[in-house]
């Protein structure tokens, strides 16, 4: 199911992906992936995260070698089109958060940041990304960013919305990695700011909900109750 969610809608690229997949996994897995794709590809966007949630329970039953192979194949499939799309980034973060600790015995992150000041640029990356995901209208994007910004509770400073090219997945990943090392109150304020950013126009698009879920999962911080989890 996870592999099927990542297959390209473009037939030529998808054929190449399936060829590569067949070389990396058991025949039964590649055949099931191909069989699932027609249904997965027409599923509504808002159904993607619930499908991932269903898969997580089964993925926890993998052995360590199976999970290692799954992780390697997942990374290859995400990179197979030479770009990381937003949903791929979201999926990657959710899988890492929920499964890697079980299989890798990774130690929990050690808190390094007790004040938000050194993390403000990273918070701005995240709020800007959410603002851009929610709209293509410059006024709406600016409104969303300005709505969420006060909830960071930064005492002073002028902080500007970043252009789309400066808050993509390449910038999101290191920003989240740093924020993982902050105290819970910083994370709580950031999630609240994120929630108000996506809720600024009263409509939460699937892409906004997916990115918000990935941010909340990565920071191990619950989504505020007025924002739907799916």
C-alpha atoms as a PDB file:
ATOM      1  CA  UNK A   1       0.000   0.000   0.000  1.00  0.00           C
ATOM      2  CA  UNK A   2       2.784   2.431   0.884  1.00  0.00           C
ATOM      3  CA  UNK A   3       4.627   1.668  -2.334  1.00  0.00           C
ATOM      4  CA  UNK A   4       1.412   2.053  -4.373  1.00  0.00           C
ATOM      5  CA  UNK A   5       0.818   5.483  -2.834  1.00  0.00           C
ATOM      6  CA  UNK A   6       4.230   6.586  -4.116  1.00  0.00           C
ATOM      7  CA  UNK A   7       3.956   5.362  -7.701  1.00  0.00           C
ATOM      8  CA  UNK A   8       3.953   8.044 -10.373  1.00  0.00           C
ATOM      9  CA  UNK A   9       0.715   8.813 -12.246  1.00  0.00           C
ATOM     10  CA  UNK A  10       2.865   9.110 -15.414  1.00  0.00           C
ATOM     11  CA  UNK A  11       2.901   5.730 -17.150  1.00  0.00           C
ATOM     12  CA  UNK A  12       6.513   5.697 -18.392  1.00  0.00           C
ATOM     13  CA  UNK A  13       7.985   6.644 -15.035  1.00  0.00           C
ATOM     14  CA  UNK A  14       5.639   4.240 -13.244  1.00  0.00           C
ATOM     15  CA  UNK A  15       6.813   1.373 -15.477  1.00  0.00           C
ATOM     16  CA  UNK A  16      10.426   2.180 -14.584  1.00  0.00           C
ATOM     17  CA  UNK A  17       9.504   2.342 -10.896  1.00  0.00           C
ATOM     18  CA  UNK A  18       7.802  -1.051 -11.064  1.00  0.00           C
ATOM     19  CA  UNK A  19      10.827  -2.548 -12.828  1.00  0.00           C
ATOM     20  CA  UNK A  20      13.101  -1.232 -10.093  1.00  0.00           C
ATOM     21  CA  UNK A  21      10.699  -2.362  -7.394  1.00  0.00           C
ATOM     22  CA  UNK A  22      10.653  -5.911  -8.771  1.00  0.00           C
ATOM     23  CA  UNK A  23      14.442  -5.985  -8.408  1.00  0.00           C
ATOM     24  CA  UNK A  24      14.304  -4.895  -4.773  1.00  0.00           C
ATOM     25  CA  UNK A  25      11.391  -6.785  -3.207  1.00  0.00           C
ATOM     26  CA  UNK A  26       9.760 -10.207  -3.328  1.00  0.00           C
ATOM     27  CA  UNK A  27       7.607 -10.924  -6.362  1.00  0.00           C
ATOM     28  CA  UNK A  28       4.470 -11.038  -4.242  1.00  0.00           C
ATOM     29  CA  UNK A  29       5.066  -7.501  -2.968  1.00  0.00           C
ATOM     30  CA  UNK A  30       5.694  -5.974  -6.398  1.00  0.00           C
ATOM     31  CA  UNK A  31       2.655  -7.787  -7.839  1.00  0.00           C
ATOM     32  CA  UNK A  32       0.429  -6.593  -4.992  1.00  0.00           C
ATOM     33  CA  UNK A  33       1.750  -3.046  -5.417  1.00  0.00           C
ATOM     34  CA  UNK A  34       0.801  -3.095  -9.110  1.00  0.00           C
ATOM     35  CA  UNK A  35      -2.607  -4.557  -8.280  1.00  0.00           C
ATOM     36  CA  UNK A  36      -3.333  -1.873  -5.666  1.00  0.00           C
ATOM     37  CA  UNK A  37      -2.255   1.096  -7.787  1.00  0.00           C
ATOM     38  CA  UNK A  38      -5.465   1.492  -9.883  1.00  0.00           C
ATOM     39  CA  UNK A  39      -7.583   1.832  -6.732  1.00  0.00           C
ATOM     40  CA  UNK A  40      -5.061   3.887  -4.772  1.00  0.00           C
ATOM     41  CA  UNK A  41      -4.505   6.310  -7.659  1.00  0.00           C
ATOM     42  CA  UNK A  42      -8.184   7.289  -7.840  1.00  0.00           C
ATOM     43  CA  UNK A  43      -8.710   7.530  -4.082  1.00  0.00           C
ATOM     44  CA  UNK A  44      -9.485  11.004  -2.793  1.00  0.00           C
ATOM     45  CA  UNK A  45      -6.523  12.966  -1.480  1.00  0.00           C
ATOM     46  CA  UNK A  46      -8.076  13.168   1.979  1.00  0.00           C
ATOM     47  CA  UNK A  47      -8.037   9.341   2.162  1.00  0.00           C
ATOM     48  CA  UNK A  48      -4.263   9.053   1.849  1.00  0.00           C
ATOM     49  CA  UNK A  49      -3.353   9.636   5.491  1.00  0.00           C
ATOM     50  CA  UNK A  50      -6.053   7.287   6.805  1.00  0.00           C
ATOM     51  CA  UNK A  51      -4.658   4.609   4.473  1.00  0.00           C
ATOM     52  CA  UNK A  52      -1.178   5.252   5.844  1.00  0.00           C
ATOM     53  CA  UNK A  53      -2.557   4.921   9.386  1.00  0.00           C
ATOM     54  CA  UNK A  54      -4.034   1.529   8.505  1.00  0.00           C
ATOM     55  CA  UNK A  55      -0.684   0.396   7.091  1.00  0.00           C
ATOM     56  CA  UNK A  56       1.300   1.447  10.180  1.00  0.00           C
ATOM     57  CA  UNK A  57      -0.156  -1.308  12.319  1.00  0.00           C
ATOM     58  CA  UNK A  58       0.863  -3.999   9.837  1.00  0.00           C
ATOM     59  CA  UNK A  59       4.309  -2.471   9.289  1.00  0.00           C
ATOM     60  CA  UNK A  60       4.999  -2.806  13.011  1.00  0.00           C
ATOM     61  CA  UNK A  61       4.868  -6.571  12.516  1.00  0.00           C
ATOM     62  CA  UNK A  62       7.898  -6.577  10.200  1.00  0.00           C
ATOM     63  CA  UNK A  63      11.156  -8.126  11.318  1.00  0.00           C
ATOM     64  CA  UNK A  64      14.204  -5.875  11.584  1.00  0.00           C
ATOM     65  CA  UNK A  65      15.677  -7.122   8.257  1.00  0.00           C
ATOM     66  CA  UNK A  66      12.289  -6.662   6.567  1.00  0.00           C
ATOM     67  CA  UNK A  67      12.008  -3.122   7.908  1.00  0.00           C
ATOM     68  CA  UNK A  68      15.548  -2.330   6.751  1.00  0.00           C
ATOM     69  CA  UNK A  69      14.650  -3.491   3.234  1.00  0.00           C
ATOM     70  CA  UNK A  70      11.357  -1.572   3.374  1.00  0.00           C
ATOM     71  CA  UNK A  71      13.135   1.630   4.435  1.00  0.00           C
ATOM     72  CA  UNK A  72      15.747   1.355   1.704  1.00  0.00           C
ATOM     73  CA  UNK A  73      13.096   0.674  -0.931  1.00  0.00           C
ATOM     74  CA  UNK A  74      10.965   3.545   0.353  1.00  0.00           C
ATOM     75  CA  UNK A  75      13.872   5.979   0.023  1.00  0.00           C
ATOM     76  CA  UNK A  76      14.670   4.722  -3.462  1.00  0.00           C
ATOM     77  CA  UNK A  77      11.046   5.052  -4.586  1.00  0.00           C
ATOM     78  CA  UNK A  78      10.724   8.580  -3.202  1.00  0.00           C
ATOM     79  CA  UNK A  79      13.876   9.658  -5.048  1.00  0.00           C
ATOM     80  CA  UNK A  80      13.112   7.755  -8.257  1.00  0.00           C
ATOM     81  CA  UNK A  81      11.631  10.809  -9.987  1.00  0.00           C
ATOM     82  CA  UNK A  82      14.503  13.090  -8.902  1.00  0.00           C
ATOM     83  CA  UNK A  83      12.284  15.235  -6.714  1.00  0.00           C
ATOM     84  CA  UNK A  84      10.627  14.966  -3.319  1.00  0.00           C
ATOM     85  CA  UNK A  85       7.000  16.064  -3.423  1.00  0.00           C
ATOM     86  CA  UNK A  86       5.155  17.295  -0.365  1.00  0.00           C
ATOM     87  CA  UNK A  87       3.183  14.082   0.190  1.00  0.00           C
ATOM     88  CA  UNK A  88       6.388  12.041  -0.120  1.00  0.00           C
ATOM     89  CA  UNK A  89       7.999  14.230   2.525  1.00  0.00           C
ATOM     90  CA  UNK A  90       4.949  13.844   4.772  1.00  0.00           C
ATOM     91  CA  UNK A  91       4.884  10.077   4.341  1.00  0.00           C
ATOM     92  CA  UNK A  92       8.596   9.815   5.043  1.00  0.00           C
ATOM     93  CA  UNK A  93       8.265  11.789   8.280  1.00  0.00           C
ATOM     94  CA  UNK A  94       5.284   9.752   9.506  1.00  0.00           C
ATOM     95  CA  UNK A  95       7.037   6.445   8.818  1.00  0.00           C
ATOM     96  CA  UNK A  96      10.219   7.644  10.531  1.00  0.00           C
ATOM     97  CA  UNK A  97       8.386   8.881  13.601  1.00  0.00           C
ATOM     98  CA  UNK A  98       6.154   5.866  14.160  1.00  0.00           C
ATOM     99  CA  UNK A  99       8.380   2.987  13.096  1.00  0.00           C
ATOM    100  CA  UNK A 100      12.086   3.789  13.227  1.00  0.00           C
ATOM    101  CA  UNK A 101      12.330   3.883  17.058  1.00  0.00           C
ATOM    102  CA  UNK A 102      10.937   0.348  17.226  1.00  0.00           C
ATOM    103  CA  UNK A 103      13.407  -1.104  14.751  1.00  0.00           C
ATOM    104  CA  UNK A 104      16.538   0.978  15.181  1.00  0.00           C
ATOM    105  CA  UNK A 105      16.570   1.435  18.978  1.00  0.00           C
ATOM    106  CA  UNK A 106      17.296   5.081  18.336  1.00  0.00           C
ATOM    107  CA  UNK A 107      17.720   7.148  21.472  1.00  0.00           C
ATOM    108  CA  UNK A 108      15.169   9.923  22.068  1.00  0.00           C
ATOM    109  CA  UNK A 109      16.442  13.363  21.050  1.00  0.00           C
ATOM    110  CA  UNK A 110      18.283  15.310  23.735  1.00  0.00           C
ATOM    111  CA  UNK A 111      16.866  18.766  24.394  1.00  0.00           C
ATOM    112  CA  UNK A 112      19.231  21.480  23.241  1.00  0.00           C
ATOM    113  CA  UNK A 113      16.952  24.528  22.945  1.00  0.00           C
ATOM    114  CA  UNK A 114      15.203  26.071  25.943  1.00  0.00           C
ATOM    115  CA  UNK A 115      14.302  29.368  24.304  1.00  0.00           C
ATOM    116  CA  UNK A 116      12.704  30.016  20.929  1.00  0.00           C
ATOM    117  CA  UNK A 117      15.085  32.797  19.879  1.00  0.00           C
ATOM    118  CA  UNK A 118      17.642  30.621  18.006  1.00  0.00           C
ATOM    119  CA  UNK A 119      14.780  28.640  16.447  1.00  0.00           C
ATOM    120  CA  UNK A 120      12.769  31.546  15.057  1.00  0.00           C
ATOM    121  CA  UNK A 121      14.219  31.200  11.502  1.00  0.00           C
ATOM    122  CA  UNK A 122      13.206  27.528  11.517  1.00  0.00           C
ATOM    123  CA  UNK A 123       9.707  28.382  12.734  1.00  0.00           C
ATOM    124  CA  UNK A 124       9.402  30.960   9.951  1.00  0.00           C
ATOM    125  CA  UNK A 125      10.321  28.289   7.387  1.00  0.00           C
ATOM    126  CA  UNK A 126       7.517  26.070   8.675  1.00  0.00           C
ATOM    127  CA  UNK A 127       4.841  28.786   8.861  1.00  0.00           C
ATOM    128  CA  UNK A 128       5.805  30.052   5.403  1.00  0.00           C
ATOM    129  CA  UNK A 129       5.571  26.535   3.970  1.00  0.00           C
ATOM    130  CA  UNK A 130       2.094  26.055   5.417  1.00  0.00           C
ATOM    131  CA  UNK A 131       0.962  29.466   4.150  1.00  0.00           C
ATOM    132  CA  UNK A 132       2.117  28.651   0.604  1.00  0.00           C
ATOM    133  CA  UNK A 133       0.608  25.160   0.643  1.00  0.00           C
ATOM    134  CA  UNK A 134      -2.822  26.570   1.441  1.00  0.00           C
ATOM    135  CA  UNK A 135      -3.156  29.039  -1.430  1.00  0.00           C
ATOM    136  CA  UNK A 136      -1.624  30.441  -4.584  1.00  0.00           C
ATOM    137  CA  UNK A 137      -3.080  33.900  -3.931  1.00  0.00           C
ATOM    138  CA  UNK A 138      -0.471  36.305  -2.561  1.00  0.00           C
ATOM    139  CA  UNK A 139      -2.929  38.096  -0.280  1.00  0.00           C
ATOM    140  CA  UNK A 140      -4.254  34.840   1.187  1.00  0.00           C
ATOM    141  CA  UNK A 141      -0.733  33.509   1.704  1.00  0.00           C
ATOM    142  CA  UNK A 142       0.278  36.679   3.538  1.00  0.00           C
ATOM    143  CA  UNK A 143      -2.875  36.610   5.665  1.00  0.00           C
ATOM    144  CA  UNK A 144      -2.281  33.001   6.681  1.00  0.00           C
ATOM    145  CA  UNK A 145       1.313  33.714   7.700  1.00  0.00           C
ATOM    146  CA  UNK A 146       0.372  36.813   9.699  1.00  0.00           C
ATOM    147  CA  UNK A 147      -2.468  34.944  11.416  1.00  0.00           C
ATOM    148  CA  UNK A 148      -0.196  32.215  12.711  1.00  0.00           C
ATOM    149  CA  UNK A 149       2.859  34.318  13.549  1.00  0.00           C
ATOM    150  CA  UNK A 150       1.685  35.789  16.914  1.00  0.00           C
ATOM    151  CA  UNK A 151       1.160  32.306  18.344  1.00  0.00           C
ATOM    152  CA  UNK A 152       4.901  31.670  18.257  1.00  0.00           C
ATOM    153  CA  UNK A 153       4.964  34.125  21.157  1.00  0.00           C
ATOM    154  CA  UNK A 154       8.253  35.694  20.139  1.00  0.00           C
ATOM    155  CA  UNK A 155       8.793  38.767  22.278  1.00  0.00           C
ATOM    156  CA  UNK A 156      10.317  41.048  19.651  1.00  0.00           C
ATOM    157  CA  UNK A 157      11.423  41.237  16.056  1.00  0.00           C
ATOM    158  CA  UNK A 158      10.102  41.676  12.535  1.00  0.00           C
ATOM    159  CA  UNK A 159       9.620  38.403  10.706  1.00  0.00           C
ATOM    160  CA  UNK A 160       8.687  38.157   7.067  1.00  0.00           C
ATOM    161  CA  UNK A 161       7.026  35.503   4.982  1.00  0.00           C
ATOM    162  CA  UNK A 162       9.569  33.544   2.951  1.00  0.00           C
ATOM    163  CA  UNK A 163       9.106  33.081  -0.790  1.00  0.00           C
ATOM    164  CA  UNK A 164       8.002  29.616  -1.892  1.00  0.00           C
ATOM    165  CA  UNK A 165      11.481  28.681  -3.075  1.00  0.00           C
ATOM    166  CA  UNK A 166      12.932  29.212   0.415  1.00  0.00           C
ATOM    167  CA  UNK A 167      10.503  27.027   2.365  1.00  0.00           C
ATOM    168  CA  UNK A 168      10.238  23.800   0.384  1.00  0.00           C
ATOM    169  CA  UNK A 169      10.941  20.286   1.610  1.00  0.00           C
ATOM    170  CA  UNK A 170      14.697  20.908   1.402  1.00  0.00           C
ATOM    171  CA  UNK A 171      14.332  23.622   4.051  1.00  0.00           C
ATOM    172  CA  UNK A 172      11.550  21.939   6.045  1.00  0.00           C
ATOM    173  CA  UNK A 173      13.535  18.832   6.944  1.00  0.00           C
ATOM    174  CA  UNK A 174      16.476  20.541   8.723  1.00  0.00           C
ATOM    175  CA  UNK A 175      14.102  23.024  10.384  1.00  0.00           C
ATOM    176  CA  UNK A 176      12.051  20.197  11.882  1.00  0.00           C
ATOM    177  CA  UNK A 177      15.189  18.339  12.920  1.00  0.00           C
ATOM    178  CA  UNK A 178      16.290  21.349  14.986  1.00  0.00           C
ATOM    179  CA  UNK A 179      12.839  21.914  16.483  1.00  0.00           C
ATOM    180  CA  UNK A 180      12.751  18.284  17.628  1.00  0.00           C
ATOM    181  CA  UNK A 181      15.483  19.284  20.086  1.00  0.00           C
ATOM    182  CA  UNK A 182      13.421  22.012  21.777  1.00  0.00           C
ATOM    183  CA  UNK A 183      11.473  21.983  25.034  1.00  0.00           C
ATOM    184  CA  UNK A 184       7.771  20.997  24.872  1.00  0.00           C
ATOM    185  CA  UNK A 185       6.460  24.542  25.296  1.00  0.00           C
ATOM    186  CA  UNK A 186       8.250  25.735  22.140  1.00  0.00           C
ATOM    187  CA  UNK A 187       6.780  22.817  20.203  1.00  0.00           C
ATOM    188  CA  UNK A 188       3.315  23.522  21.605  1.00  0.00           C
ATOM    189  CA  UNK A 189       3.464  27.175  20.551  1.00  0.00           C
ATOM    190  CA  UNK A 190       4.689  26.233  17.080  1.00  0.00           C
ATOM    191  CA  UNK A 191       1.887  23.709  16.547  1.00  0.00           C
ATOM    192  CA  UNK A 192      -0.650  26.308  17.685  1.00  0.00           C
ATOM    193  CA  UNK A 193       0.851  28.824  15.241  1.00  0.00           C
ATOM    194  CA  UNK A 194       0.712  26.195  12.482  1.00  0.00           C
ATOM    195  CA  UNK A 195      -2.922  25.414  13.251  1.00  0.00           C
ATOM    196  CA  UNK A 196      -3.908  29.086  13.044  1.00  0.00           C
ATOM    197  CA  UNK A 197      -1.947  29.453   9.803  1.00  0.00           C
ATOM    198  CA  UNK A 198      -3.814  26.641   8.045  1.00  0.00           C
ATOM    199  CA  UNK A 199      -7.112  27.739   9.566  1.00  0.00           C
ATOM    200  CA  UNK A 200      -6.798  31.397   8.581  1.00  0.00           C
ATOM    201  CA  UNK A 201      -9.184  31.129   5.629  1.00  0.00           C
ATOM    202  CA  UNK A 202     -11.612  28.770   7.360  1.00  0.00           C
ATOM    203  CA  UNK A 203     -10.806  25.951   4.926  1.00  0.00           C
ATOM    204  CA  UNK A 204      -8.230  23.229   5.506  1.00  0.00           C
ATOM    205  CA  UNK A 205      -7.017  21.681   2.255  1.00  0.00           C
ATOM    206  CA  UNK A 206      -5.758  18.102   2.165  1.00  0.00           C
ATOM    207  CA  UNK A 207      -2.201  19.293   1.524  1.00  0.00           C
ATOM    208  CA  UNK A 208      -2.359  21.572   4.581  1.00  0.00           C
ATOM    209  CA  UNK A 209      -3.730  18.793   6.776  1.00  0.00           C
ATOM    210  CA  UNK A 210      -1.050  16.373   5.590  1.00  0.00           C
ATOM    211  CA  UNK A 211       1.817  18.772   6.243  1.00  0.00           C
ATOM    212  CA  UNK A 212       0.400  19.763   9.636  1.00  0.00           C
ATOM    213  CA  UNK A 213       0.146  16.079  10.553  1.00  0.00           C
ATOM    214  CA  UNK A 214       3.793  15.502   9.551  1.00  0.00           C
ATOM    215  CA  UNK A 215       4.949  18.491  11.602  1.00  0.00           C
ATOM    216  CA  UNK A 216       2.940  17.408  14.653  1.00  0.00           C
ATOM    217  CA  UNK A 217       4.116  13.793  14.375  1.00  0.00           C
ATOM    218  CA  UNK A 218       7.770  14.789  13.988  1.00  0.00           C
ATOM    219  CA  UNK A 219       7.592  17.022  17.062  1.00  0.00           C
ATOM    220  CA  UNK A 220       5.546  14.421  18.976  1.00  0.00           C
ATOM    221  CA  UNK A 221       3.000  17.116  19.720  1.00  0.00           C
ATOM    222  CA  UNK A 222      -0.794  16.654  19.432  1.00  0.00           C
ATOM    223  CA  UNK A 223      -2.767  18.689  16.920  1.00  0.00           C
ATOM    224  CA  UNK A 224      -5.137  21.200  18.572  1.00  0.00           C
ATOM    225  CA  UNK A 225      -8.696  19.823  18.752  1.00  0.00           C
ATOM    226  CA  UNK A 226     -10.160  22.479  16.447  1.00  0.00           C
ATOM    227  CA  UNK A 227      -8.034  21.133  13.576  1.00  0.00           C
ATOM    228  CA  UNK A 228      -9.114  17.731  12.189  1.00  0.00           C
ATOM    229  CA  UNK A 229      -6.419  15.053  12.399  1.00  0.00           C
ATOM    230  CA  UNK A 230      -7.311  13.675   8.960  1.00  0.00           C
END
